Protein backbone atom coordinates (compact mmCIF):
# COMPACT_ATOMS: atom_id res chain seq x y z
CA MET A 1 45.01 -20.04 21.37
CA ASN A 2 47.20 -17.59 19.94
CA GLU A 3 46.63 -14.29 18.84
CA ARG A 4 45.95 -14.96 15.04
CA GLU A 5 43.08 -17.88 16.11
CA LEU A 6 41.34 -14.74 18.72
CA PHE A 7 41.65 -12.36 16.44
CA LEU A 8 39.92 -14.75 13.45
CA LYS A 9 37.39 -15.88 15.69
CA GLU A 10 36.50 -12.23 16.84
CA LYS A 11 36.06 -11.09 13.40
CA LEU A 12 34.18 -14.55 12.58
CA ALA A 13 31.20 -13.54 15.39
CA ILE A 14 31.43 -10.25 13.78
CA LEU A 15 30.35 -11.26 10.60
CA ARG A 16 27.98 -13.41 11.82
CA LEU A 17 26.31 -11.05 13.96
CA LEU A 18 26.37 -8.71 10.75
CA LYS A 19 24.92 -11.03 8.61
CA LYS A 20 21.70 -11.60 11.20
CA ARG A 21 21.13 -7.92 11.07
CA THR A 22 21.28 -7.79 7.33
CA VAL A 23 18.77 -10.50 7.15
CA SER A 24 16.42 -9.11 9.58
CA LEU A 25 16.80 -5.83 7.74
CA ILE A 26 16.13 -7.54 4.12
CA SER A 27 13.02 -9.01 5.94
CA GLN A 28 11.72 -5.80 7.15
CA ARG A 29 11.85 -3.80 3.89
CA ILE A 30 10.59 -6.86 1.87
CA SER A 31 7.44 -6.92 4.60
CA LEU A 32 7.26 -2.59 4.37
CA ILE A 33 6.86 -3.22 0.37
CA VAL A 34 4.52 -5.73 0.44
CA LEU A 35 2.17 -3.63 3.44
CA MET A 36 2.63 -0.74 0.84
CA ASN A 37 1.53 -3.01 -2.04
CA VAL A 38 -1.44 -3.81 -0.41
CA PHE A 39 -2.49 -0.10 0.78
CA VAL A 40 -1.70 1.25 -2.83
CA THR A 41 -4.21 -1.38 -4.18
CA VAL A 42 -6.80 -0.69 -2.03
CA ILE A 43 -6.89 3.10 -2.92
CA ASN A 44 -6.95 2.12 -6.37
CA LYS A 45 -9.66 0.01 -5.75
CA TYR A 46 -11.35 2.43 -4.03
CA ILE A 47 -10.58 5.25 -7.19
CA ASP A 48 -11.97 2.91 -9.85
CA LYS A 49 -15.24 2.20 -7.86
CA TYR A 50 -15.57 6.16 -7.37
CA ALA A 51 -14.58 6.68 -11.42
CA MET A 52 -17.34 4.25 -12.35
CA ARG A 53 -19.91 5.87 -10.08
CA MET A 54 -18.74 9.14 -11.71
CA GLU A 55 -19.21 7.28 -15.34
CA GLU A 56 -22.62 6.26 -14.13
CA ALA A 57 -23.76 9.62 -13.15
CA ILE A 58 -22.72 11.14 -16.28
CA ILE A 59 -24.71 8.33 -18.06
CA LYS A 60 -27.56 8.70 -16.11
CA GLY A 61 -27.22 12.37 -15.85
CA VAL A 62 -26.73 12.96 -12.27
CA ARG A 63 -25.94 15.92 -10.98
CA ILE A 64 -21.58 15.17 -10.30
CA THR A 65 -21.74 17.18 -6.80
CA SER A 66 -24.35 14.82 -5.63
CA LEU A 67 -22.35 11.95 -5.61
CA ILE A 68 -20.40 13.12 -2.64
CA GLY A 69 -21.41 10.90 0.32
CA ASP A 70 -22.82 7.67 0.22
CA GLY A 71 -24.36 6.22 -2.90
CA LYS A 72 -28.20 5.80 -1.74
CA LYS A 73 -28.15 9.42 -1.39
CA ALA A 74 -26.44 10.13 -4.76
CA ARG A 75 -28.95 8.22 -7.35
CA SER A 76 -31.99 9.42 -4.49
CA ARG A 77 -31.29 13.18 -6.18
CA LYS A 78 -31.61 12.22 -9.91
CA VAL A 79 -31.56 15.34 -11.87
CA ALA A 80 -32.16 16.01 -15.79
CA THR A 81 -29.48 17.73 -17.27
CA LYS A 82 -30.57 18.76 -20.51
């Protein structure tokens, strides 16, 4: 085996290692993006739920400050705002 063949085999081995590393990094990035999307979706659902509770409270005339906490306590503190 001459020097040129040895050099090419080493280069090929390095390229294979880089390919594996790149694929690993790409898959890690994709899984991180998916995880972030799930997190953002959950947060958005929570915000939407809270916003709907606020809208209901405004329509029913509930004190907005009473909405902090669980929904049962908030509904039990209905107050006329007129």
